[in-house]
């Protein structure tokens, strides 16, 4: 078995979004974020023990006959979401916090908020809300 950190399938209603490039899905956005900032990799580095404990717990459940494959491990995904909101990743990678987050830019069409800071990578919330951690057969 292997642990897979990723995002659940979803589409953006405004695909031009932050970069002006056509990124239609959360998977495309997550891949771009990971490529540029290494966000999920940094999360793993900061939470190795927590992740190990959660995976060990899931393996025990599997040995007890419970179906644990392909189910979100909230003990891993929830802290990632909380860390995004708490700006834990600020300063760990070049350009984080992002310029857009410092300026409070939001790409939602009906968002009146401008000029107030916001956490990096939490604009529409779709990326954050789509994060998942699952065990898969190797």
N, C-alpha and C. Protein backbone atom coordinates (compact mmCIF):
# COMPACT_ATOMS: atom_id res chain seq x y z
N UNK A 1 0.84 -1.18 0.00
CA UNK A 1 0.00 0.00 0.00
C UNK A 1 0.88 1.24 0.00
N UNK A 2 0.29 2.33 -0.51
CA UNK A 2 1.01 3.59 -0.50
C UNK A 2 0.06 4.72 -0.13
N UNK A 3 0.61 5.73 0.48
CA UNK A 3 -0.15 6.92 0.84
C UNK A 3 -0.08 7.90 -0.32
N UNK A 4 -1.23 8.42 -0.72
CA UNK A 4 -1.29 9.38 -1.83
C UNK A 4 -1.91 10.67 -1.32
N UNK A 5 -1.15 11.75 -1.37
CA UNK A 5 -1.67 13.08 -1.08
C UNK A 5 -2.05 13.71 -2.40
N UNK A 6 -3.23 14.24 -2.48
CA UNK A 6 -3.68 14.84 -3.72
C UNK A 6 -4.95 15.62 -3.52
N UNK A 7 -5.66 15.83 -4.61
CA UNK A 7 -6.92 16.57 -4.56
C UNK A 7 -8.01 15.77 -5.26
N UNK A 8 -9.21 15.95 -4.80
CA UNK A 8 -10.36 15.32 -5.42
C UNK A 8 -10.72 16.07 -6.70
N UNK A 9 -11.27 15.39 -7.68
CA UNK A 9 -11.62 16.04 -8.94
C UNK A 9 -12.65 17.16 -8.74
N UNK A 10 -12.36 18.30 -9.35
CA UNK A 10 -13.28 19.43 -9.34
C UNK A 10 -12.83 20.39 -10.44
N UNK A 11 -13.75 21.23 -10.89
CA UNK A 11 -13.45 22.20 -11.94
C UNK A 11 -13.69 23.61 -11.44
N UNK A 12 -12.91 24.52 -11.96
CA UNK A 12 -13.08 25.93 -11.66
C UNK A 12 -14.05 26.55 -12.65
N UNK A 13 -14.86 27.48 -12.16
CA UNK A 13 -15.81 28.14 -13.05
C UNK A 13 -15.13 29.23 -13.86
N UNK A 14 -14.00 29.76 -13.36
CA UNK A 14 -13.25 30.78 -14.07
C UNK A 14 -11.84 30.23 -14.31
N UNK A 15 -11.65 29.50 -15.40
CA UNK A 15 -10.39 28.79 -15.59
C UNK A 15 -9.17 29.68 -15.79
N UNK A 16 -9.33 30.94 -16.18
CA UNK A 16 -8.16 31.80 -16.38
C UNK A 16 -7.49 32.08 -15.04
N UNK A 17 -8.28 32.31 -14.02
CA UNK A 17 -7.80 32.40 -12.65
C UNK A 17 -6.56 33.22 -12.42
N UNK A 18 -5.75 32.75 -11.51
CA UNK A 18 -4.61 33.50 -11.01
C UNK A 18 -3.57 33.78 -12.07
N UNK A 19 -3.15 32.79 -12.80
CA UNK A 19 -2.03 32.95 -13.71
C UNK A 19 -2.44 33.50 -15.07
N UNK A 20 -3.73 33.53 -15.35
CA UNK A 20 -4.16 33.93 -16.68
C UNK A 20 -4.09 32.76 -17.65
N UNK A 21 -3.49 31.66 -17.21
CA UNK A 21 -3.41 30.46 -18.04
C UNK A 21 -4.67 29.65 -17.80
N UNK A 22 -4.99 28.81 -18.75
CA UNK A 22 -6.18 27.99 -18.63
C UNK A 22 -5.91 26.78 -17.74
N UNK A 23 -6.25 26.89 -16.47
CA UNK A 23 -6.18 25.78 -15.54
C UNK A 23 -7.61 25.47 -15.15
N UNK A 24 -8.17 24.42 -15.75
CA UNK A 24 -9.58 24.12 -15.61
C UNK A 24 -9.93 23.31 -14.38
N UNK A 25 -8.99 22.51 -13.90
CA UNK A 25 -9.32 21.59 -12.81
C UNK A 25 -8.44 21.84 -11.59
N UNK A 26 -8.92 21.37 -10.46
CA UNK A 26 -8.15 21.47 -9.23
C UNK A 26 -6.86 20.66 -9.36
N UNK A 27 -6.92 19.54 -10.07
CA UNK A 27 -5.73 18.73 -10.26
C UNK A 27 -4.64 19.52 -10.99
N UNK A 28 -5.03 20.28 -12.03
CA UNK A 28 -4.05 21.09 -12.75
C UNK A 28 -3.46 22.17 -11.85
N UNK A 29 -4.30 22.79 -11.04
CA UNK A 29 -3.84 23.83 -10.12
C UNK A 29 -2.91 23.22 -9.07
N UNK A 30 -3.29 22.07 -8.51
CA UNK A 30 -2.47 21.41 -7.50
C UNK A 30 -1.11 21.03 -8.07
N UNK A 31 -1.10 20.54 -9.29
CA UNK A 31 0.17 20.17 -9.93
C UNK A 31 1.05 21.41 -10.12
N UNK A 32 0.46 22.52 -10.53
CA UNK A 32 1.22 23.76 -10.70
C UNK A 32 1.75 24.28 -9.36
N UNK A 33 0.93 24.22 -8.33
CA UNK A 33 1.36 24.67 -6.99
C UNK A 33 2.49 23.79 -6.48
N UNK A 34 2.36 22.49 -6.64
CA UNK A 34 3.40 21.58 -6.15
C UNK A 34 4.70 21.77 -6.93
N UNK A 35 4.58 21.98 -8.23
CA UNK A 35 5.76 22.17 -9.06
C UNK A 35 6.50 23.45 -8.68
N UNK A 36 5.77 24.51 -8.43
CA UNK A 36 6.40 25.81 -8.14
C UNK A 36 6.79 25.96 -6.68
N UNK A 37 5.95 25.48 -5.76
CA UNK A 37 6.17 25.75 -4.34
C UNK A 37 6.47 24.52 -3.49
N UNK A 38 6.17 23.31 -3.96
CA UNK A 38 6.41 22.10 -3.18
C UNK A 38 5.62 22.04 -1.89
N UNK A 39 4.38 22.52 -1.96
CA UNK A 39 3.55 22.70 -0.76
C UNK A 39 3.25 21.40 -0.03
N UNK A 40 2.77 20.39 -0.73
CA UNK A 40 2.44 19.13 -0.06
C UNK A 40 3.70 18.42 0.43
N UNK A 41 4.78 18.55 -0.31
CA UNK A 41 6.06 18.00 0.14
C UNK A 41 6.52 18.65 1.43
N UNK A 42 6.35 19.96 1.54
CA UNK A 42 6.72 20.67 2.77
C UNK A 42 5.82 20.25 3.91
N UNK A 43 4.52 20.05 3.63
CA UNK A 43 3.60 19.57 4.66
C UNK A 43 4.08 18.23 5.21
N UNK A 44 4.48 17.33 4.32
CA UNK A 44 4.97 16.01 4.76
C UNK A 44 6.22 16.19 5.63
N UNK A 45 7.15 17.05 5.20
CA UNK A 45 8.36 17.29 5.99
C UNK A 45 8.05 17.77 7.40
N UNK A 46 7.06 18.64 7.52
CA UNK A 46 6.71 19.23 8.81
C UNK A 46 5.88 18.30 9.70
N UNK A 47 5.28 17.25 9.09
CA UNK A 47 4.33 16.42 9.82
C UNK A 47 4.61 14.93 9.70
N UNK A 48 5.86 14.55 9.58
CA UNK A 48 6.20 13.14 9.37
C UNK A 48 5.63 12.23 10.46
N UNK A 49 5.78 12.63 11.71
CA UNK A 49 5.31 11.78 12.82
C UNK A 49 3.79 11.66 12.80
N UNK A 50 3.09 12.76 12.62
CA UNK A 50 1.62 12.75 12.57
C UNK A 50 1.13 11.88 11.43
N UNK A 51 1.75 12.01 10.28
CA UNK A 51 1.36 11.22 9.12
C UNK A 51 1.64 9.74 9.36
N UNK A 52 2.81 9.44 9.92
CA UNK A 52 3.16 8.06 10.22
C UNK A 52 2.17 7.43 11.19
N UNK A 53 1.78 8.18 12.22
CA UNK A 53 0.81 7.67 13.19
C UNK A 53 -0.55 7.40 12.54
N UNK A 54 -0.99 8.31 11.67
CA UNK A 54 -2.28 8.15 11.00
C UNK A 54 -2.27 6.94 10.07
N UNK A 55 -1.17 6.76 9.34
CA UNK A 55 -1.07 5.62 8.43
C UNK A 55 -1.02 4.32 9.24
N UNK A 56 -0.28 4.32 10.33
CA UNK A 56 -0.21 3.11 11.19
C UNK A 56 -1.60 2.75 11.71
N UNK A 57 -2.36 3.75 12.10
CA UNK A 57 -3.72 3.51 12.58
C UNK A 57 -4.59 2.90 11.48
N UNK A 58 -4.44 3.39 10.27
CA UNK A 58 -5.21 2.85 9.15
C UNK A 58 -4.79 1.41 8.85
N UNK A 59 -3.51 1.11 8.96
CA UNK A 59 -3.04 -0.25 8.71
C UNK A 59 -3.59 -1.22 9.76
N UNK A 60 -3.67 -0.78 10.99
CA UNK A 60 -4.27 -1.61 12.04
C UNK A 60 -5.74 -1.89 11.69
N UNK A 61 -6.45 -0.86 11.24
CA UNK A 61 -7.85 -1.05 10.86
C UNK A 61 -7.97 -2.03 9.70
N UNK A 62 -7.03 -1.96 8.76
CA UNK A 62 -7.05 -2.90 7.63
C UNK A 62 -6.84 -4.33 8.13
N UNK A 63 -5.92 -4.50 9.06
CA UNK A 63 -5.68 -5.83 9.62
C UNK A 63 -6.89 -6.36 10.38
N UNK A 64 -7.71 -5.45 10.89
CA UNK A 64 -8.94 -5.84 11.58
C UNK A 64 -10.07 -6.12 10.60
N UNK A 65 -9.78 -6.01 9.31
CA UNK A 65 -10.77 -6.33 8.29
C UNK A 65 -11.58 -5.15 7.80
N UNK A 66 -11.26 -3.96 8.21
CA UNK A 66 -12.01 -2.78 7.76
C UNK A 66 -11.49 -2.32 6.41
N UNK A 67 -12.39 -1.79 5.61
CA UNK A 67 -12.03 -1.26 4.30
C UNK A 67 -11.50 0.16 4.46
N UNK A 68 -10.20 0.33 4.30
CA UNK A 68 -9.58 1.64 4.49
C UNK A 68 -9.01 2.22 3.20
N UNK A 69 -8.97 1.43 2.15
CA UNK A 69 -8.40 1.91 0.90
C UNK A 69 -9.29 2.96 0.25
N UNK A 70 -8.66 3.96 -0.33
CA UNK A 70 -9.33 5.02 -1.08
C UNK A 70 -10.30 5.85 -0.24
N UNK A 71 -10.11 5.87 1.06
CA UNK A 71 -10.95 6.69 1.94
C UNK A 71 -10.07 7.81 2.51
N UNK A 72 -10.61 9.02 2.54
CA UNK A 72 -9.84 10.15 3.03
C UNK A 72 -9.41 9.92 4.48
N UNK A 73 -8.15 10.19 4.75
CA UNK A 73 -7.61 10.10 6.11
C UNK A 73 -7.63 11.51 6.68
N UNK A 74 -8.70 11.84 7.37
CA UNK A 74 -8.88 13.22 7.84
C UNK A 74 -7.81 13.64 8.84
N UNK A 75 -7.16 12.70 9.50
CA UNK A 75 -6.08 13.05 10.42
C UNK A 75 -4.86 13.58 9.67
N UNK A 76 -4.85 13.44 8.35
CA UNK A 76 -3.79 14.01 7.52
C UNK A 76 -4.34 15.20 6.72
N UNK A 77 -5.47 15.03 6.07
CA UNK A 77 -5.98 16.10 5.20
C UNK A 77 -6.45 17.33 5.98
N UNK A 78 -7.06 17.13 7.13
CA UNK A 78 -7.56 18.27 7.91
C UNK A 78 -6.43 19.18 8.41
N UNK A 79 -5.33 18.63 8.94
CA UNK A 79 -4.24 19.51 9.34
C UNK A 79 -3.64 20.29 8.16
N UNK A 80 -3.61 19.69 6.97
CA UNK A 80 -3.12 20.42 5.79
C UNK A 80 -3.99 21.64 5.54
N UNK A 81 -5.30 21.44 5.58
CA UNK A 81 -6.25 22.53 5.36
C UNK A 81 -6.08 23.61 6.42
N UNK A 82 -5.92 23.19 7.68
CA UNK A 82 -5.74 24.14 8.77
C UNK A 82 -4.42 24.90 8.63
N UNK A 83 -3.37 24.20 8.18
CA UNK A 83 -2.08 24.86 7.99
C UNK A 83 -2.14 25.91 6.89
N UNK A 84 -2.90 25.64 5.83
CA UNK A 84 -3.07 26.65 4.78
C UNK A 84 -3.71 27.90 5.36
N UNK A 85 -4.79 27.73 6.09
CA UNK A 85 -5.51 28.87 6.68
C UNK A 85 -4.64 29.63 7.68
N UNK A 86 -3.80 28.90 8.42
CA UNK A 86 -2.96 29.52 9.46
C UNK A 86 -1.66 30.10 8.90
N UNK A 87 -1.47 30.02 7.59
CA UNK A 87 -0.29 30.56 6.91
C UNK A 87 1.01 29.91 7.37
N UNK A 88 0.94 28.63 7.71
CA UNK A 88 2.11 27.90 8.18
C UNK A 88 3.21 27.84 7.12
N UNK A 89 2.84 27.85 5.85
CA UNK A 89 3.81 27.69 4.78
C UNK A 89 4.50 28.99 4.38
N UNK A 90 4.06 30.11 4.95
CA UNK A 90 4.70 31.39 4.64
C UNK A 90 6.18 31.34 5.02
N UNK A 91 7.03 31.67 4.08
CA UNK A 91 8.46 31.70 4.34
C UNK A 91 9.19 30.40 4.07
N UNK A 92 8.48 29.32 3.79
CA UNK A 92 9.14 28.03 3.55
C UNK A 92 9.54 27.84 2.09
N UNK A 93 8.99 28.62 1.21
CA UNK A 93 9.33 28.52 -0.21
C UNK A 93 9.45 29.94 -0.77
N UNK A 94 10.20 30.06 -1.84
CA UNK A 94 10.33 31.36 -2.49
C UNK A 94 8.95 31.84 -2.93
N UNK A 95 8.70 33.10 -2.75
CA UNK A 95 7.45 33.75 -3.17
C UNK A 95 6.24 33.35 -2.34
N UNK A 96 6.46 32.79 -1.14
CA UNK A 96 5.35 32.49 -0.25
C UNK A 96 5.59 33.26 1.04
N UNK A 97 4.73 34.16 1.45
CA UNK A 97 3.37 34.32 0.94
C UNK A 97 3.38 34.90 -0.47
N UNK A 98 2.38 34.52 -1.23
CA UNK A 98 2.27 34.97 -2.60
C UNK A 98 1.90 36.45 -2.65
N UNK A 99 2.28 37.09 -3.72
CA UNK A 99 1.96 38.51 -3.91
C UNK A 99 0.44 38.72 -3.89
N UNK A 100 -0.29 37.82 -4.52
CA UNK A 100 -1.76 37.94 -4.56
C UNK A 100 -2.35 37.85 -3.16
N UNK A 101 -1.79 36.98 -2.32
CA UNK A 101 -2.34 36.86 -0.96
C UNK A 101 -2.03 38.09 -0.12
N UNK A 102 -0.84 38.64 -0.28
CA UNK A 102 -0.47 39.85 0.47
C UNK A 102 -1.39 41.01 0.09
N UNK A 103 -1.68 41.11 -1.21
CA UNK A 103 -2.53 42.19 -1.70
C UNK A 103 -4.01 41.91 -1.49
N UNK A 104 -4.34 40.70 -1.08
CA UNK A 104 -5.74 40.35 -0.85
C UNK A 104 -6.52 40.11 -2.11
N UNK A 105 -5.82 39.84 -3.21
CA UNK A 105 -6.52 39.59 -4.48
C UNK A 105 -7.32 38.31 -4.38
N UNK A 106 -8.54 38.40 -4.86
CA UNK A 106 -9.43 37.25 -4.92
C UNK A 106 -9.98 37.19 -6.34
N UNK A 107 -10.07 35.99 -6.85
CA UNK A 107 -10.47 35.82 -8.24
C UNK A 107 -11.93 35.45 -8.40
N UNK A 108 -12.64 35.32 -7.28
CA UNK A 108 -14.07 35.08 -7.39
C UNK A 108 -14.74 36.33 -7.92
N UNK A 109 -15.61 36.15 -8.86
CA UNK A 109 -16.24 37.28 -9.53
C UNK A 109 -17.05 38.17 -8.59
N UNK A 110 -17.70 37.59 -7.60
CA UNK A 110 -18.57 38.39 -6.73
C UNK A 110 -17.93 38.67 -5.37
N UNK A 111 -16.60 38.60 -5.29
CA UNK A 111 -15.93 38.86 -4.03
C UNK A 111 -15.61 40.34 -3.89
N UNK A 112 -16.21 41.03 -2.91
CA UNK A 112 -15.96 42.45 -2.75
C UNK A 112 -14.66 42.75 -2.01
N UNK A 113 -14.01 41.73 -1.44
CA UNK A 113 -12.85 41.96 -0.60
C UNK A 113 -11.61 42.18 -1.45
N UNK A 114 -10.97 43.32 -1.28
CA UNK A 114 -9.70 43.63 -1.93
C UNK A 114 -8.86 44.38 -0.91
N UNK A 115 -7.57 44.22 -1.02
CA UNK A 115 -6.67 45.00 -0.20
C UNK A 115 -6.40 44.44 1.19
N UNK A 116 -7.11 43.42 1.62
CA UNK A 116 -6.83 42.76 2.88
C UNK A 116 -6.07 41.48 2.58
N UNK A 117 -5.10 41.18 3.39
CA UNK A 117 -4.34 39.96 3.17
C UNK A 117 -5.21 38.73 3.35
N UNK A 118 -4.80 37.65 2.74
CA UNK A 118 -5.47 36.37 2.88
C UNK A 118 -4.39 35.30 2.83
N UNK A 119 -4.68 34.09 3.29
CA UNK A 119 -3.68 33.03 3.21
C UNK A 119 -3.36 32.69 1.75
N UNK A 120 -2.10 32.37 1.50
CA UNK A 120 -1.70 31.92 0.16
C UNK A 120 -2.42 30.62 -0.17
N UNK A 121 -2.78 30.45 -1.42
CA UNK A 121 -3.39 29.23 -1.95
C UNK A 121 -4.82 29.01 -1.46
N UNK A 122 -5.39 29.98 -0.78
CA UNK A 122 -6.78 29.87 -0.32
C UNK A 122 -7.53 31.07 -0.89
N UNK A 123 -7.89 30.96 -2.14
CA UNK A 123 -8.62 32.04 -2.80
C UNK A 123 -10.08 31.64 -2.86
N UNK A 124 -10.40 30.73 -3.73
CA UNK A 124 -11.79 30.28 -3.82
C UNK A 124 -12.08 29.22 -2.77
N UNK A 125 -11.04 28.59 -2.23
CA UNK A 125 -11.21 27.52 -1.25
C UNK A 125 -11.30 26.15 -1.89
N UNK A 126 -11.40 26.10 -3.21
CA UNK A 126 -11.58 24.82 -3.88
C UNK A 126 -10.35 23.92 -3.75
N UNK A 127 -9.17 24.48 -3.91
CA UNK A 127 -7.93 23.69 -3.75
C UNK A 127 -7.85 23.12 -2.34
N UNK A 128 -8.03 23.99 -1.34
CA UNK A 128 -7.95 23.56 0.05
C UNK A 128 -9.00 22.49 0.36
N UNK A 129 -10.24 22.75 -0.02
CA UNK A 129 -11.33 21.82 0.29
C UNK A 129 -11.23 20.50 -0.44
N UNK A 130 -10.48 20.47 -1.56
CA UNK A 130 -10.36 19.26 -2.36
C UNK A 130 -9.21 18.35 -1.91
N UNK A 131 -8.36 18.82 -1.00
CA UNK A 131 -7.22 18.03 -0.57
C UNK A 131 -7.67 16.73 0.08
N UNK A 132 -6.97 15.65 -0.26
CA UNK A 132 -7.27 14.37 0.36
C UNK A 132 -5.99 13.57 0.55
N UNK A 133 -6.04 12.67 1.49
CA UNK A 133 -4.95 11.74 1.75
C UNK A 133 -5.58 10.35 1.83
N UNK A 134 -5.16 9.46 0.95
CA UNK A 134 -5.76 8.13 0.89
C UNK A 134 -4.69 7.06 0.79
N UNK A 135 -5.02 5.87 1.25
CA UNK A 135 -4.18 4.70 1.05
C UNK A 135 -4.67 3.98 -0.20
N UNK A 136 -3.71 3.60 -1.05
CA UNK A 136 -4.06 2.87 -2.28
C UNK A 136 -3.22 1.60 -2.33
N UNK A 137 -3.73 0.62 -3.06
CA UNK A 137 -2.93 -0.58 -3.29
C UNK A 137 -1.73 -0.20 -4.14
N UNK A 138 -0.58 -0.73 -3.79
CA UNK A 138 0.64 -0.41 -4.54
C UNK A 138 0.72 -1.14 -5.85
